Full PDB file with SEQRES, HELIX, SHEET, SSBOND, CRYST1, ORIGX, SCALE, CONECT and MASTER records, all heavy atoms in Angstrom:
SEQRES   1 A   40  GLU PHE GLY CYS TYR ARG PRO ALA VAL ARG SER ALA ARG          
SEQRES   2 A   40  TRP LEU ASP ARG PHE ALA TRP MET ASP ALA VAL GLY ALA          
SEQRES   3 A   40  ARG ALA TRP PRO ILE PHE GLY ALA ALA TYR PHE VAL VAL          
SEQRES   4 A   40  ALA                                                          
HELIX    1 AA1 ALA A   12  ARG A   17  1                                   6    
HELIX    2 AA2 MET A   21  ALA A   28  1                                   8    
HELIX    3 AA3 PRO A   30  PHE A   32  5                                   3    
CRYST1    1.000    1.000    1.000  90.00  90.00  90.00 P 1           1          
ORIGX1      1.000000  0.000000  0.000000        0.00000                         
ORIGX2      0.000000  1.000000  0.000000        0.00000                         
ORIGX3      0.000000  0.000000  1.000000        0.00000                         
SCALE1      1.000000  0.000000  0.000000        0.00000                         
SCALE2      0.000000  1.000000  0.000000        0.00000                         
SCALE3      0.000000  0.000000  1.000000        0.00000                         
ATOM      1  N   GLU A   1       0.840  -1.190   0.000  1.00  0.00           N  
ATOM      2  CA  GLU A   1       0.000   0.000   0.000  1.00  0.00           C  
ATOM      3  C   GLU A   1       0.880   1.247   0.000  1.00  0.00           C  
ATOM      4  O   GLU A   1       1.948   1.265   0.595  1.00  0.00           O  
ATOM      5  CB  GLU A   1      -0.902  -0.007   1.238  1.00  0.00           C  
ATOM      6  CG  GLU A   1      -1.938   1.094   1.270  1.00  0.00           C  
ATOM      7  CD  GLU A   1      -2.868   0.965   2.467  1.00  0.00           C  
ATOM      8  OE1 GLU A   1      -2.712  -0.010   3.236  1.00  0.00           O  
ATOM      9  OE2 GLU A   1      -3.726   1.848   2.633  1.00  0.00           O  
ATOM     10  N   PHE A   2       0.413   2.277  -0.711  1.00  0.00           N  
ATOM     11  CA  PHE A   2       1.108   3.555  -0.760  1.00  0.00           C  
ATOM     12  C   PHE A   2       0.234   4.632  -0.136  1.00  0.00           C  
ATOM     13  O   PHE A   2      -0.990   4.519  -0.118  1.00  0.00           O  
ATOM     14  CB  PHE A   2       1.449   3.933  -2.204  1.00  0.00           C  
ATOM     15  CG  PHE A   2       2.354   2.956  -2.894  1.00  0.00           C  
ATOM     16  CD1 PHE A   2       1.840   1.861  -3.567  1.00  0.00           C  
ATOM     17  CD2 PHE A   2       3.727   3.125  -2.870  1.00  0.00           C  
ATOM     18  CE1 PHE A   2       2.665   0.959  -4.202  1.00  0.00           C  
ATOM     19  CE2 PHE A   2       4.569   2.233  -3.508  1.00  0.00           C  
ATOM     20  CZ  PHE A   2       4.032   1.138  -4.162  1.00  0.00           C  
ATOM     21  N   GLY A   3       0.873   5.696   0.359  1.00  0.00           N  
ATOM     22  CA  GLY A   3       0.115   6.783   0.965  1.00  0.00           C  
ATOM     23  C   GLY A   3       0.903   8.062   1.056  1.00  0.00           C  
ATOM     24  O   GLY A   3       2.084   8.112   0.691  1.00  0.00           O  
ATOM     25  N   CYS A   4       0.260   9.130   1.520  1.00  0.00           N  
ATOM     26  CA  CYS A   4       0.841  10.464   1.677  1.00  0.00           C  
ATOM     27  C   CYS A   4       1.162  11.079   0.307  1.00  0.00           C  
ATOM     28  O   CYS A   4       2.307  11.085  -0.142  1.00  0.00           O  
ATOM     29  CB  CYS A   4       2.084  10.435   2.561  1.00  0.00           C  
ATOM     30  SG  CYS A   4       1.748   9.862   4.247  1.00  0.00           S  
ATOM     31  N   TYR A   5       0.126  11.604  -0.340  1.00  0.00           N  
ATOM     32  CA  TYR A   5       0.261  12.152  -1.692  1.00  0.00           C  
ATOM     33  C   TYR A   5       0.344  13.673  -1.710  1.00  0.00           C  
ATOM     34  O   TYR A   5       0.392  14.265  -2.789  1.00  0.00           O  
ATOM     35  CB  TYR A   5      -0.932  11.699  -2.537  1.00  0.00           C  
ATOM     36  CG  TYR A   5      -0.986  10.209  -2.725  1.00  0.00           C  
ATOM     37  CD1 TYR A   5      -1.741   9.409  -1.877  1.00  0.00           C  
ATOM     38  CD2 TYR A   5      -0.264   9.583  -3.733  1.00  0.00           C  
ATOM     39  CE1 TYR A   5      -1.784   8.033  -2.035  1.00  0.00           C  
ATOM     40  CE2 TYR A   5      -0.293   8.213  -3.904  1.00  0.00           C  
ATOM     41  CZ  TYR A   5      -1.063   7.439  -3.048  1.00  0.00           C  
ATOM     42  OH  TYR A   5      -1.097   6.072  -3.203  1.00  0.00           O  
ATOM     43  N   ARG A   6       0.349  14.313  -0.575  1.00  0.00           N  
ATOM     44  CA  ARG A   6       0.433  15.769  -0.555  1.00  0.00           C  
ATOM     45  C   ARG A   6       1.832  16.226  -0.960  1.00  0.00           C  
ATOM     46  O   ARG A   6       2.807  15.494  -0.776  1.00  0.00           O  
ATOM     47  CB  ARG A   6       0.081  16.301   0.836  1.00  0.00           C  
ATOM     48  CG  ARG A   6      -1.289  15.852   1.310  1.00  0.00           C  
ATOM     49  CD  ARG A   6      -1.616  16.359   2.701  1.00  0.00           C  
ATOM     50  NE  ARG A   6      -2.708  15.580   3.290  1.00  0.00           N  
ATOM     51  CZ  ARG A   6      -3.249  15.817   4.474  1.00  0.00           C  
ATOM     52  NH1 ARG A   6      -2.811  16.837   5.207  1.00  0.00           N  
ATOM     53  NH2 ARG A   6      -4.231  15.053   4.930  1.00  0.00           N  
ATOM     54  N   PRO A   7       1.968  17.421  -1.521  1.00  0.00           N  
ATOM     55  CA  PRO A   7       3.285  17.898  -1.971  1.00  0.00           C  
ATOM     56  C   PRO A   7       4.271  18.022  -0.822  1.00  0.00           C  
ATOM     57  O   PRO A   7       3.904  18.036   0.352  1.00  0.00           O  
ATOM     58  CB  PRO A   7       2.968  19.270  -2.593  1.00  0.00           C  
ATOM     59  CG  PRO A   7       1.517  19.247  -2.882  1.00  0.00           C  
ATOM     60  CD  PRO A   7       0.894  18.370  -1.852  1.00  0.00           C  
ATOM     61  N   ALA A   8       5.531  18.158  -1.176  1.00  0.00           N  
ATOM     62  CA  ALA A   8       6.607  18.262  -0.186  1.00  0.00           C  
ATOM     63  C   ALA A   8       6.706  19.697   0.314  1.00  0.00           C  
ATOM     64  O   ALA A   8       7.606  20.453  -0.063  1.00  0.00           O  
ATOM     65  CB  ALA A   8       7.924  17.803  -0.799  1.00  0.00           C  
ATOM     66  N   VAL A   9       5.763  20.071   1.161  1.00  0.00           N  
ATOM     67  CA  VAL A   9       5.774  21.391   1.800  1.00  0.00           C  
ATOM     68  C   VAL A   9       6.126  21.209   3.276  1.00  0.00           C  
ATOM     69  O   VAL A   9       5.991  20.124   3.825  1.00  0.00           O  
ATOM     70  CB  VAL A   9       4.414  22.093   1.635  1.00  0.00           C  
ATOM     71  CG1 VAL A   9       4.165  22.416   0.170  1.00  0.00           C  
ATOM     72  CG2 VAL A   9       3.283  21.226   2.175  1.00  0.00           C  
ATOM     73  N   ARG A  10       6.544  22.278   3.917  1.00  0.00           N  
ATOM     74  CA  ARG A  10       7.050  22.168   5.282  1.00  0.00           C  
ATOM     75  C   ARG A  10       6.036  22.542   6.357  1.00  0.00           C  
ATOM     76  O   ARG A  10       6.126  22.061   7.478  1.00  0.00           O  
ATOM     77  CB  ARG A  10       8.295  23.044   5.451  1.00  0.00           C  
ATOM     78  CG  ARG A  10       9.462  22.629   4.567  1.00  0.00           C  
ATOM     79  CD  ARG A  10      10.688  23.467   4.879  1.00  0.00           C  
ATOM     80  NE  ARG A  10      11.782  23.203   3.963  1.00  0.00           N  
ATOM     81  CZ  ARG A  10      12.667  22.213   4.104  1.00  0.00           C  
ATOM     82  NH1 ARG A  10      12.566  21.409   5.139  1.00  0.00           N  
ATOM     83  NH2 ARG A  10      13.637  22.046   3.225  1.00  0.00           N  
ATOM     84  N   SER A  11       5.083  23.394   6.060  1.00  0.00           N  
ATOM     85  CA  SER A  11       4.193  23.908   7.092  1.00  0.00           C  
ATOM     86  C   SER A  11       2.911  23.091   7.179  1.00  0.00           C  
ATOM     87  O   SER A  11       2.422  22.538   6.177  1.00  0.00           O  
ATOM     88  CB  SER A  11       3.839  25.374   6.811  1.00  0.00           C  
ATOM     89  OG  SER A  11       2.991  25.481   5.683  1.00  0.00           O  
ATOM     90  N   ALA A  12       2.369  23.022   8.390  1.00  0.00           N  
ATOM     91  CA  ALA A  12       1.099  22.323   8.586  1.00  0.00           C  
ATOM     92  C   ALA A  12      -0.027  23.004   7.827  1.00  0.00           C  
ATOM     93  O   ALA A  12      -0.955  22.337   7.345  1.00  0.00           O  
ATOM     94  CB  ALA A  12       0.785  22.260  10.083  1.00  0.00           C  
ATOM     95  N   ARG A  13       0.049  24.322   7.699  1.00  0.00           N  
ATOM     96  CA  ARG A  13      -0.992  25.061   6.994  1.00  0.00           C  
ATOM     97  C   ARG A  13      -1.098  24.620   5.538  1.00  0.00           C  
ATOM     98  O   ARG A  13      -2.190  24.359   5.025  1.00  0.00           O  
ATOM     99  CB  ARG A  13      -0.699  26.560   7.075  1.00  0.00           C  
ATOM    100  CG  ARG A  13      -1.686  27.439   6.312  1.00  0.00           C  
ATOM    101  CD  ARG A  13      -1.256  28.891   6.377  1.00  0.00           C  
ATOM    102  NE  ARG A  13      -2.130  29.732   5.586  1.00  0.00           N  
ATOM    103  CZ  ARG A  13      -1.925  31.030   5.373  1.00  0.00           C  
ATOM    104  NH1 ARG A  13      -0.863  31.628   5.923  1.00  0.00           N  
ATOM    105  NH2 ARG A  13      -2.769  31.741   4.632  1.00  0.00           N  
ATOM    106  N   TRP A  14       0.042  24.519   4.863  1.00  0.00           N  
ATOM    107  CA  TRP A  14       0.014  24.122   3.465  1.00  0.00           C  
ATOM    108  C   TRP A  14      -0.298  22.633   3.309  1.00  0.00           C  
ATOM    109  O   TRP A  14      -0.950  22.226   2.330  1.00  0.00           O  
ATOM    110  CB  TRP A  14       1.335  24.474   2.799  1.00  0.00           C  
ATOM    111  CG  TRP A  14       1.404  25.915   2.427  1.00  0.00           C  
ATOM    112  CD1 TRP A  14       2.086  26.904   3.073  1.00  0.00           C  
ATOM    113  CD2 TRP A  14       0.745  26.536   1.322  1.00  0.00           C  
ATOM    114  NE1 TRP A  14       1.894  28.110   2.453  1.00  0.00           N  
ATOM    115  CE2 TRP A  14       1.071  27.916   1.368  1.00  0.00           C  
ATOM    116  CE3 TRP A  14      -0.078  26.068   0.308  1.00  0.00           C  
ATOM    117  CZ2 TRP A  14       0.603  28.834   0.432  1.00  0.00           C  
ATOM    118  CZ3 TRP A  14      -0.554  26.980  -0.634  1.00  0.00           C  
ATOM    119  CH2 TRP A  14      -0.224  28.338  -0.563  1.00  0.00           C  
ATOM    120  N   LEU A  15       0.138  21.833   4.224  1.00  0.00           N  
ATOM    121  CA  LEU A  15      -0.233  20.416   4.176  1.00  0.00           C  
ATOM    122  C   LEU A  15      -1.743  20.253   4.282  1.00  0.00           C  
ATOM    123  O   LEU A  15      -2.345  19.426   3.574  1.00  0.00           O  
ATOM    124  CB  LEU A  15       0.463  19.652   5.304  1.00  0.00           C  
ATOM    125  CG  LEU A  15       1.938  19.305   5.093  1.00  0.00           C  
ATOM    126  CD1 LEU A  15       2.544  18.767   6.379  1.00  0.00           C  
ATOM    127  CD2 LEU A  15       2.098  18.277   3.966  1.00  0.00           C  
ATOM    128  N   ASP A  16      -2.379  21.030   5.142  1.00  0.00           N  
ATOM    129  CA  ASP A  16      -3.835  20.962   5.278  1.00  0.00           C  
ATOM    130  C   ASP A  16      -4.533  21.433   4.001  1.00  0.00           C  
ATOM    131  O   ASP A  16      -5.579  20.902   3.629  1.00  0.00           O  
ATOM    132  CB  ASP A  16      -4.295  21.810   6.468  1.00  0.00           C  
ATOM    133  CG  ASP A  16      -3.861  21.224   7.806  1.00  0.00           C  
ATOM    134  OD1 ASP A  16      -3.549  20.021   7.839  1.00  0.00           O  
ATOM    135  OD2 ASP A  16      -3.819  21.974   8.799  1.00  0.00           O  
ATOM    136  N   ARG A  17      -3.970  22.426   3.338  1.00  0.00           N  
ATOM    137  CA  ARG A  17      -4.580  22.927   2.106  1.00  0.00           C  
ATOM    138  C   ARG A  17      -4.585  21.866   0.998  1.00  0.00           C  
ATOM    139  O   ARG A  17      -5.469  21.875   0.139  1.00  0.00           O  
ATOM    140  CB  ARG A  17      -3.843  24.174   1.613  1.00  0.00           C  
ATOM    141  CG  ARG A  17      -4.143  25.427   2.415  1.00  0.00           C  
ATOM    142  CD  ARG A  17      -3.590  26.653   1.709  1.00  0.00           C  
ATOM    143  NE  ARG A  17      -3.961  27.885   2.408  1.00  0.00           N  
ATOM    144  CZ  ARG A  17      -3.724  29.111   1.933  1.00  0.00           C  
ATOM    145  NH1 ARG A  17      -3.107  29.249   0.763  1.00  0.00           N  
ATOM    146  NH2 ARG A  17      -4.096  30.161   2.619  1.00  0.00           N  
ATOM    147  N   PHE A  18      -3.589  21.003   1.030  1.00  0.00           N  
ATOM    148  CA  PHE A  18      -3.494  19.974  -0.009  1.00  0.00           C  
ATOM    149  C   PHE A  18      -4.035  18.626   0.460  1.00  0.00           C  
ATOM    150  O   PHE A  18      -3.722  17.585  -0.131  1.00  0.00           O  
ATOM    151  CB  PHE A  18      -2.037  19.809  -0.455  1.00  0.00           C  
ATOM    152  CG  PHE A  18      -1.524  20.934  -1.297  1.00  0.00           C  
ATOM    153  CD1 PHE A  18      -0.651  21.870  -0.766  1.00  0.00           C  
ATOM    154  CD2 PHE A  18      -1.921  21.057  -2.618  1.00  0.00           C  
ATOM    155  CE1 PHE A  18      -0.168  22.916  -1.538  1.00  0.00           C  
ATOM    156  CE2 PHE A  18      -1.438  22.093  -3.411  1.00  0.00           C  
ATOM    157  CZ  PHE A  18      -0.567  23.037  -2.869  1.00  0.00           C  
ATOM    158  N   ALA A  19      -4.864  18.628   1.488  1.00  0.00           N  
ATOM    159  CA  ALA A  19      -5.401  17.364   2.012  1.00  0.00           C  
ATOM    160  C   ALA A  19      -6.208  16.612   0.966  1.00  0.00           C  
ATOM    161  O   ALA A  19      -6.258  15.371   0.978  1.00  0.00           O  
ATOM    162  CB  ALA A  19      -6.258  17.639   3.251  1.00  0.00           C  
ATOM    163  N   TRP A  20      -6.831  17.323   0.036  1.00  0.00           N  
ATOM    164  CA  TRP A  20      -7.650  16.687  -0.997  1.00  0.00           C  
ATOM    165  C   TRP A  20      -6.821  15.774  -1.911  1.00  0.00           C  
ATOM    166  O   TRP A  20      -7.361  14.870  -2.555  1.00  0.00           O  
ATOM    167  CB  TRP A  20      -8.340  17.752  -1.846  1.00  0.00           C  
ATOM    168  CG  TRP A  20      -7.394  18.719  -2.491  1.00  0.00           C  
ATOM    169  CD1 TRP A  20      -6.916  19.886  -1.964  1.00  0.00           C  
ATOM    170  CD2 TRP A  20      -6.786  18.591  -3.794  1.00  0.00           C  
ATOM    171  NE1 TRP A  20      -6.046  20.505  -2.843  1.00  0.00           N  
ATOM    172  CE2 TRP A  20      -5.952  19.730  -3.970  1.00  0.00           C  
ATOM    173  CE3 TRP A  20      -6.858  17.640  -4.801  1.00  0.00           C  
ATOM    174  CZ2 TRP A  20      -5.213  19.929  -5.138  1.00  0.00           C  
ATOM    175  CZ3 TRP A  20      -6.119  17.836  -5.964  1.00  0.00           C  
ATOM    176  CH2 TRP A  20      -5.305  18.973  -6.126  1.00  0.00           C  
ATOM    177  N   MET A  21      -5.502  15.981  -1.954  1.00  0.00           N  
ATOM    178  CA  MET A  21      -4.662  15.192  -2.854  1.00  0.00           C  
ATOM    179  C   MET A  21      -4.496  13.751  -2.389  1.00  0.00           C  
ATOM    180  O   MET A  21      -4.136  12.882  -3.187  1.00  0.00           O  
ATOM    181  CB  MET A  21      -3.288  15.852  -3.005  1.00  0.00           C  
ATOM    182  CG  MET A  21      -3.315  17.148  -3.782  1.00  0.00           C  
ATOM    183  SD  MET A  21      -1.661  17.812  -4.115  1.00  0.00           S  
ATOM    184  CE  MET A  21      -0.990  16.541  -5.208  1.00  0.00           C  
ATOM    185  N   ASP A  22      -4.761  13.452  -1.118  1.00  0.00           N  
ATOM    186  CA  ASP A  22      -4.643  12.073  -0.645  1.00  0.00           C  
ATOM    187  C   ASP A  22      -5.652  11.171  -1.351  1.00  0.00           C  
ATOM    188  O   ASP A  22      -5.307  10.063  -1.796  1.00  0.00           O  
ATOM    189  CB  ASP A  22      -4.848  12.018   0.872  1.00  0.00           C  
ATOM    190  CG  ASP A  22      -3.618  12.469   1.633  1.00  0.00           C  
ATOM    191  OD1 ASP A  22      -2.503  12.298   1.118  1.00  0.00           O  
ATOM    192  OD2 ASP A  22      -3.777  13.008   2.749  1.00  0.00           O  
ATOM    193  N   ALA A  23      -6.891  11.613  -1.454  1.00  0.00           N  
ATOM    194  CA  ALA A  23      -7.909  10.806  -2.121  1.00  0.00           C  
ATOM    195  C   ALA A  23      -7.668  10.749  -3.621  1.00  0.00           C  
ATOM    196  O   ALA A  23      -7.807   9.687  -4.244  1.00  0.00           O  
ATOM    197  CB  ALA A  23      -9.295  11.378  -1.821  1.00  0.00           C  
ATOM    198  N   VAL A  24      -7.283  11.874  -4.219  1.00  0.00           N  
ATOM    199  CA  VAL A  24      -7.036  11.901  -5.668  1.00  0.00           C  
ATOM    200  C   VAL A  24      -5.814  11.066  -6.022  1.00  0.00           C  
ATOM    201  O   VAL A  24      -5.820  10.295  -6.991  1.00  0.00           O  
ATOM    202  CB  VAL A  24      -6.869  13.352  -6.144  1.00  0.00           C  
ATOM    203  CG1 VAL A  24      -6.488  13.385  -7.629  1.00  0.00           C  
ATOM    204  CG2 VAL A  24      -8.152  14.141  -5.927  1.00  0.00           C  
ATOM    205  N   GLY A  25      -4.745  11.204  -5.247  1.00  0.00           N  
ATOM    206  CA  GLY A  25      -3.528  10.461  -5.536  1.00  0.00           C  
ATOM    207  C   GLY A  25      -3.709   8.962  -5.424  1.00  0.00           C  
ATOM    208  O   GLY A  25      -3.146   8.196  -6.222  1.00  0.00           O  
ATOM    209  N   ALA A  26      -4.489   8.510  -4.449  1.00  0.00           N  
ATOM    210  CA  ALA A  26      -4.728   7.079  -4.283  1.00  0.00           C  
ATOM    211  C   ALA A  26      -5.422   6.483  -5.499  1.00  0.00           C  
ATOM    212  O   ALA A  26      -5.256   5.293  -5.798  1.00  0.00           O  
ATOM    213  CB  ALA A  26      -5.552   6.837  -3.027  1.00  0.00           C  
ATOM    214  N   ARG A  27      -6.194   7.299  -6.225  1.00  0.00           N  
ATOM    215  CA  ARG A  27      -6.894   6.815  -7.417  1.00  0.00           C  
ATOM    216  C   ARG A  27      -6.095   7.055  -8.694  1.00  0.00           C  
ATOM    217  O   ARG A  27      -6.042   6.195  -9.570  1.00  0.00           O  
ATOM    218  CB  ARG A  27      -8.262   7.496  -7.548  1.00  0.00           C  
ATOM    219  CG  ARG A  27      -9.238   7.188  -6.442  1.00  0.00           C  
ATOM    220  CD  ARG A  27     -10.642   7.633  -6.828  1.00  0.00           C  
ATOM    221  NE  ARG A  27     -10.667   9.048  -7.195  1.00  0.00           N  
ATOM    222  CZ  ARG A  27     -10.923  10.043  -6.347  1.00  0.00           C  
ATOM    223  NH1 ARG A  27     -11.163   9.767  -5.069  1.00  0.00           N  
ATOM    224  NH2 ARG A  27     -10.931  11.300  -6.760  1.00  0.00           N  
ATOM    225  N   ALA A  28      -5.481   8.233  -8.804  1.00  0.00           N  
ATOM    226  CA  ALA A  28      -4.871   8.643 -10.062  1.00  0.00           C  
ATOM    227  C   ALA A  28      -3.415   8.201 -10.220  1.00  0.00           C  
ATOM    228  O   ALA A  28      -2.991   7.834 -11.313  1.00  0.00           O  
ATOM    229  CB  ALA A  28      -4.975  10.162 -10.208  1.00  0.00           C  
ATOM    230  N   TRP A  29      -2.612   8.290  -9.157  1.00  0.00           N  
ATOM    231  CA  TRP A  29      -1.201   7.894  -9.243  1.00  0.00           C  
ATOM    232  C   TRP A  29      -0.810   7.127  -7.977  1.00  0.00           C  
ATOM    233  O   TRP A  29       0.003   7.567  -7.172  1.00  0.00           O  
ATOM    234  CB  TRP A  29      -0.306   9.112  -9.475  1.00  0.00           C  
ATOM    235  CG  TRP A  29      -0.463  10.243  -8.504  1.00  0.00           C  
ATOM    236  CD1 TRP A  29       0.189  10.412  -7.325  1.00  0.00           C  
ATOM    237  CD2 TRP A  29      -1.318  11.384  -8.618  1.00  0.00           C  
ATOM    238  NE1 TRP A  29      -0.202  11.566  -6.692  1.00  0.00           N  
ATOM    239  CE2 TRP A  29      -1.126  12.188  -7.472  1.00  0.00           C  
ATOM    240  CE3 TRP A  29      -2.247  11.803  -9.582  1.00  0.00           C  
ATOM    241  CZ2 TRP A  29      -1.816  13.376  -7.273  1.00  0.00           C  
ATOM    242  CZ3 TRP A  29      -2.932  12.991  -9.372  1.00  0.00           C  
ATOM    243  CH2 TRP A  29      -2.713  13.760  -8.238  1.00  0.00           C  
ATOM    244  N   PRO A  30      -1.375   5.943  -7.769  1.00  0.00           N  
ATOM    245  CA  PRO A  30      -1.227   5.233  -6.485  1.00  0.00           C  
ATOM    246  C   PRO A  30       0.200   4.888  -6.103  1.00  0.00           C  
ATOM    247  O   PRO A  30       0.524   4.851  -4.910  1.00  0.00           O  
ATOM    248  CB  PRO A  30      -2.081   3.976  -6.677  1.00  0.00           C  
ATOM    249  CG  PRO A  30      -2.186   3.792  -8.148  1.00  0.00           C  
ATOM    250  CD  PRO A  30      -2.180   5.167  -8.733  1.00  0.00           C  
ATOM    251  N   ILE A  31       1.078   4.608  -7.056  1.00  0.00           N  
ATOM    252  CA  ILE A  31       2.423   4.152  -6.688  1.00  0.00           C  
ATOM    253  C   ILE A  31       3.375   5.305  -6.389  1.00  0.00           C  
ATOM    254  O   ILE A  31       4.550   5.070  -6.112  1.00  0.00           O  
ATOM    255  CB  ILE A  31       3.031   3.255  -7.789  1.00  0.00           C  
ATOM    256  CG1 ILE A  31       3.258   4.059  -9.063  1.00  0.00           C  
ATOM    257  CG2 ILE A  31       2.159   2.040  -8.039  1.00  0.00           C  
ATOM    258  CD1 ILE A  31       4.040   3.285 -10.111  1.00  0.00           C  
ATOM    259  N   PHE A  32       2.889   6.549  -6.444  1.00  0.00           N  
ATOM    260  CA  PHE A  32       3.766   7.701  -6.227  1.00  0.00           C  
ATOM    261  C   PHE A  32       3.553   8.351  -4.860  1.00  0.00           C  
ATOM    262  O   PHE A  32       3.884   9.520  -4.676  1.00  0.00           O  
ATOM    263  CB  PHE A  32       3.559   8.733  -7.344  1.00  0.00           C  
ATOM    264  CG  PHE A  32       3.925   8.216  -8.702  1.00  0.00           C  
ATOM    265  CD1 PHE A  32       2.979   8.159  -9.714  1.00  0.00           C  
ATOM    266  CD2 PHE A  32       5.205   7.763  -8.962  1.00  0.00           C  
ATOM    267  CE1 PHE A  32       3.304   7.671 -10.963  1.00  0.00           C  
ATOM    268  CE2 PHE A  32       5.538   7.274 -10.212  1.00  0.00           C  
ATOM    269  CZ  PHE A  32       4.592   7.222 -11.220  1.00  0.00           C  
ATOM    270  N   GLY A  33       3.003   7.613  -3.919  1.00  0.00           N  
ATOM    271  CA  GLY A  33       2.889   8.133  -2.557  1.00  0.00           C  
ATOM    272  C   GLY A  33       4.249   8.289  -1.912  1.00  0.00           C  
ATOM    273  O   GLY A  33       5.229   7.641  -2.307  1.00  0.00           O  
ATOM    274  N   ALA A  34       4.330   9.146  -0.891  1.00  0.00           N  
ATOM    275  CA  ALA A  34       5.616   9.409  -0.242  1.00  0.00           C  
ATOM    276  C   ALA A  34       6.135   8.204   0.532  1.00  0.00           C  
ATOM    277  O   ALA A  34       7.327   8.100   0.793  1.00  0.00           O  
ATOM    278  CB  ALA A  34       5.484  10.608   0.693  1.00  0.00           C  
ATOM    279  N   ALA A  35       5.248   7.290   0.909  1.00  0.00           N  
ATOM    280  CA  ALA A  35       5.654   6.130   1.702  1.00  0.00           C  
ATOM    281  C   ALA A  35       4.936   4.885   1.211  1.00  0.00           C  
ATOM    282  O   ALA A  35       3.889   4.971   0.553  1.00  0.00           O  
ATOM    283  CB  ALA A  35       5.352   6.360   3.186  1.00  0.00           C  
ATOM    284  N   TYR A  36       5.509   3.728   1.531  1.00  0.00           N  
ATOM    285  CA  TYR A  36       4.850   2.455   1.218  1.00  0.00           C  
ATOM    286  C   TYR A  36       4.760   1.618   2.479  1.00  0.00           C  
ATOM    287  O   TYR A  36       5.488   1.816   3.461  1.00  0.00           O  
ATOM    288  CB  TYR A  36       5.572   1.691   0.107  1.00  0.00           C  
ATOM    289  CG  TYR A  36       7.010   1.339   0.393  1.00  0.00           C  
ATOM    290  CD1 TYR A  36       7.356   0.248   1.190  1.00  0.00           C  
ATOM    291  CD2 TYR A  36       8.046   2.091  -0.155  1.00  0.00           C  
ATOM    292  CE1 TYR A  36       8.663  -0.080   1.444  1.00  0.00           C  
ATOM    293  CE2 TYR A  36       9.373   1.783   0.093  1.00  0.00           C  
ATOM    294  CZ  TYR A  36       9.680   0.700   0.886  1.00  0.00           C  
ATOM    295  OH  TYR A  36      10.987   0.377   1.144  1.00  0.00           O  
ATOM    296  N   PHE A  37       3.854   0.653   2.436  1.00  0.00           N  
ATOM    297  CA  PHE A  37       3.578  -0.183   3.594  1.00  0.00           C  
ATOM    298  C   PHE A  37       3.395  -1.616   3.090  1.00  0.00           C  
ATOM    299  O   PHE A  37       2.524  -1.887   2.265  1.00  0.00           O  
ATOM    300  CB  PHE A  37       2.297   0.306   4.287  1.00  0.00           C  
ATOM    301  CG  PHE A  37       1.987  -0.375   5.593  1.00  0.00           C  
ATOM    302  CD1 PHE A  37       2.581   0.042   6.771  1.00  0.00           C  
ATOM    303  CD2 PHE A  37       1.086  -1.433   5.638  1.00  0.00           C  
ATOM    304  CE1 PHE A  37       2.290  -0.576   7.974  1.00  0.00           C  
ATOM    305  CE2 PHE A  37       0.790  -2.057   6.832  1.00  0.00           C  
ATOM    306  CZ  PHE A  37       1.390  -1.622   8.005  1.00  0.00           C  
ATOM    307  N   VAL A  38       4.240  -2.531   3.575  1.00  0.00           N  
ATOM    308  CA  VAL A  38       4.275  -3.909   3.085  1.00  0.00           C  
ATOM    309  C   VAL A  38       3.958  -4.877   4.218  1.00  0.00           C  
ATOM    310  O   VAL A  38       4.507  -4.752   5.318  1.00  0.00           O  
ATOM    311  CB  VAL A  38       5.657  -4.246   2.483  1.00  0.00           C  
ATOM    312  CG1 VAL A  38       5.707  -5.706   2.041  1.00  0.00           C  
ATOM    313  CG2 VAL A  38       5.972  -3.326   1.318  1.00  0.00           C  
ATOM    314  N   VAL A  39       3.090  -5.833   3.941  1.00  0.00           N  
ATOM    315  CA  VAL A  39       2.812  -6.932   4.867  1.00  0.00           C  
ATOM    316  C   VAL A  39       3.202  -8.230   4.160  1.00  0.00           C  
ATOM    317  O   VAL A  39       2.721  -8.509   3.054  1.00  0.00           O  
ATOM    318  CB  VAL A  39       1.323  -6.984   5.273  1.00  0.00           C  
ATOM    319  CG1 VAL A  39       1.071  -8.157   6.210  1.00  0.00           C  
ATOM    320  CG2 VAL A  39       0.909  -5.671   5.937  1.00  0.00           C  
ATOM    321  N   ALA A  40       4.100  -9.002   4.776  1.00  0.00           N  
ATOM    322  CA  ALA A  40       4.582 -10.252   4.178  1.00  0.00           C  
ATOM    323  C   ALA A  40       4.510 -11.374   5.211  1.00  0.00           C  
ATOM    324  O   ALA A  40       4.532 -11.138   6.420  1.00  0.00           O  
ATOM    325  CB  ALA A  40       6.013 -10.092   3.672  1.00  0.00           C  
TER     326      ALA A  40                                                      
MASTER        0    0    0    3    0    0    0    6  325    1    0    4          
END                                                                             
């Protein structure tokens, strides 16, 4: 699983502004999340 699709900004304010990108990124570009999570 991949997650965290918001841009690489530093402030909490700008991260909150781009919160909508988490849902869009999971559908449109799923493998480009900032982190991955593996269960084996």
